[in-house]
C-alpha atoms as a PDB file:
ATOM      1  CA  MET A   1     -18.381  10.227  25.540  1.00  0.00           C
ATOM      2  CA  ALA A   2     -14.909  11.715  25.005  1.00  0.00           C
ATOM      3  CA  ASP A   3     -13.353   8.251  25.379  1.00  0.00           C
ATOM      4  CA  VAL A   4     -15.617   6.887  22.652  1.00  0.00           C
ATOM      5  CA  ASP A   5     -14.619   9.714  20.319  1.00  0.00           C
ATOM      6  CA  GLY A   6     -10.954   9.104  21.103  1.00  0.00           C
ATOM      7  CA  VAL A   7     -11.297   5.394  20.400  1.00  0.00           C
ATOM      8  CA  ALA A   8     -13.090   6.085  17.116  1.00  0.00           C
ATOM      9  CA  GLN A   9     -10.350   8.528  16.100  1.00  0.00           C
ATOM     10  CA  ASP A  10      -7.663   5.991  16.978  1.00  0.00           C
ATOM     11  CA  GLN A  11      -9.413   3.301  14.955  1.00  0.00           C
ATOM     12  CA  LEU A  12      -9.820   5.603  11.972  1.00  0.00           C
ATOM     13  CA  ARG A  13      -6.168   6.659  12.166  1.00  0.00           C
ATOM     14  CA  SER A  14      -5.155   2.991  12.310  1.00  0.00           C
ATOM     15  CA  PHE A  15      -7.249   2.164   9.234  1.00  0.00           C
ATOM     16  CA  VAL A  16      -5.781   5.070   7.285  1.00  0.00           C
ATOM     17  CA  GLU A  17      -2.219   4.139   8.256  1.00  0.00           C
ATOM     18  CA  ARG A  18      -2.790   0.514   7.212  1.00  0.00           C
ATOM     19  CA  ILE A  19      -4.238   1.614   3.883  1.00  0.00           C
ATOM     20  CA  GLU A  20      -1.295   3.953   3.273  1.00  0.00           C
ATOM     21  CA  ARG A  21       1.202   1.151   3.986  1.00  0.00           C
ATOM     22  CA  LEU A  22      -0.655  -1.223   1.678  1.00  0.00           C
ATOM     23  CA  GLU A  23      -0.763   1.408  -1.083  1.00  0.00           C
ATOM     24  CA  GLU A  24       3.019   1.793  -0.765  1.00  0.00           C
ATOM     25  CA  GLU A  25       3.462  -1.982  -0.982  1.00  0.00           C
ATOM     26  CA  LYS A  26       1.139  -2.104  -3.992  1.00  0.00           C
ATOM     27  CA  LYS A  27       3.215   0.524  -5.796  1.00  0.00           C
ATOM     28  CA  THR A  28       6.434  -1.333  -5.018  1.00  0.00           C
ATOM     29  CA  ILE A  29       4.981  -4.583  -6.332  1.00  0.00           C
ATOM     30  CA  SER A  30       3.654  -2.845  -9.436  1.00  0.00           C
ATOM     31  CA  ASP A  31       7.097  -1.379 -10.096  1.00  0.00           C
ATOM     32  CA  ASP A  32       8.665  -4.819  -9.636  1.00  0.00           C
ATOM     33  CA  ILE A  33       6.215  -6.325 -12.126  1.00  0.00           C
ATOM     34  CA  LYS A  34       7.072  -3.619 -14.661  1.00  0.00           C
ATOM     35  CA  ASP A  35      10.752  -4.417 -14.187  1.00  0.00           C
ATOM     36  CA  VAL A  36      10.138  -8.115 -14.853  1.00  0.00           C
ATOM     37  CA  TYR A  37       8.166  -7.303 -18.015  1.00  0.00           C
ATOM     38  CA  ALA A  38      10.996  -5.039 -19.177  1.00  0.00           C
ATOM     39  CA  GLU A  39      13.563  -7.747 -18.465  1.00  0.00           C
ATOM     40  CA  ALA A  40      11.506 -10.314 -20.366  1.00  0.00           C
ATOM     41  CA  LYS A  41      11.110  -7.919 -23.290  1.00  0.00           C
ATOM     42  CA  GLY A  42      14.836  -7.227 -23.243  1.00  0.00           C
ATOM     43  CA  ASN A  43      15.411 -10.970 -23.572  1.00  0.00           C
ATOM     44  CA  GLY A  44      13.204 -11.189 -26.643  1.00  0.00           C
ATOM     45  CA  PHE A  45       9.943 -12.328 -25.068  1.00  0.00           C
END
């Protein structure tokens, strides 16, 4: 049963790490979008 618990913990850790990476990417993309809006606004749009 210990192996099953270890596997479940590894899977959960993997899910959390993937989510954290995706959240970081989402923030970076959001920041990039804000920059594009600011650039467009600065050019009169």
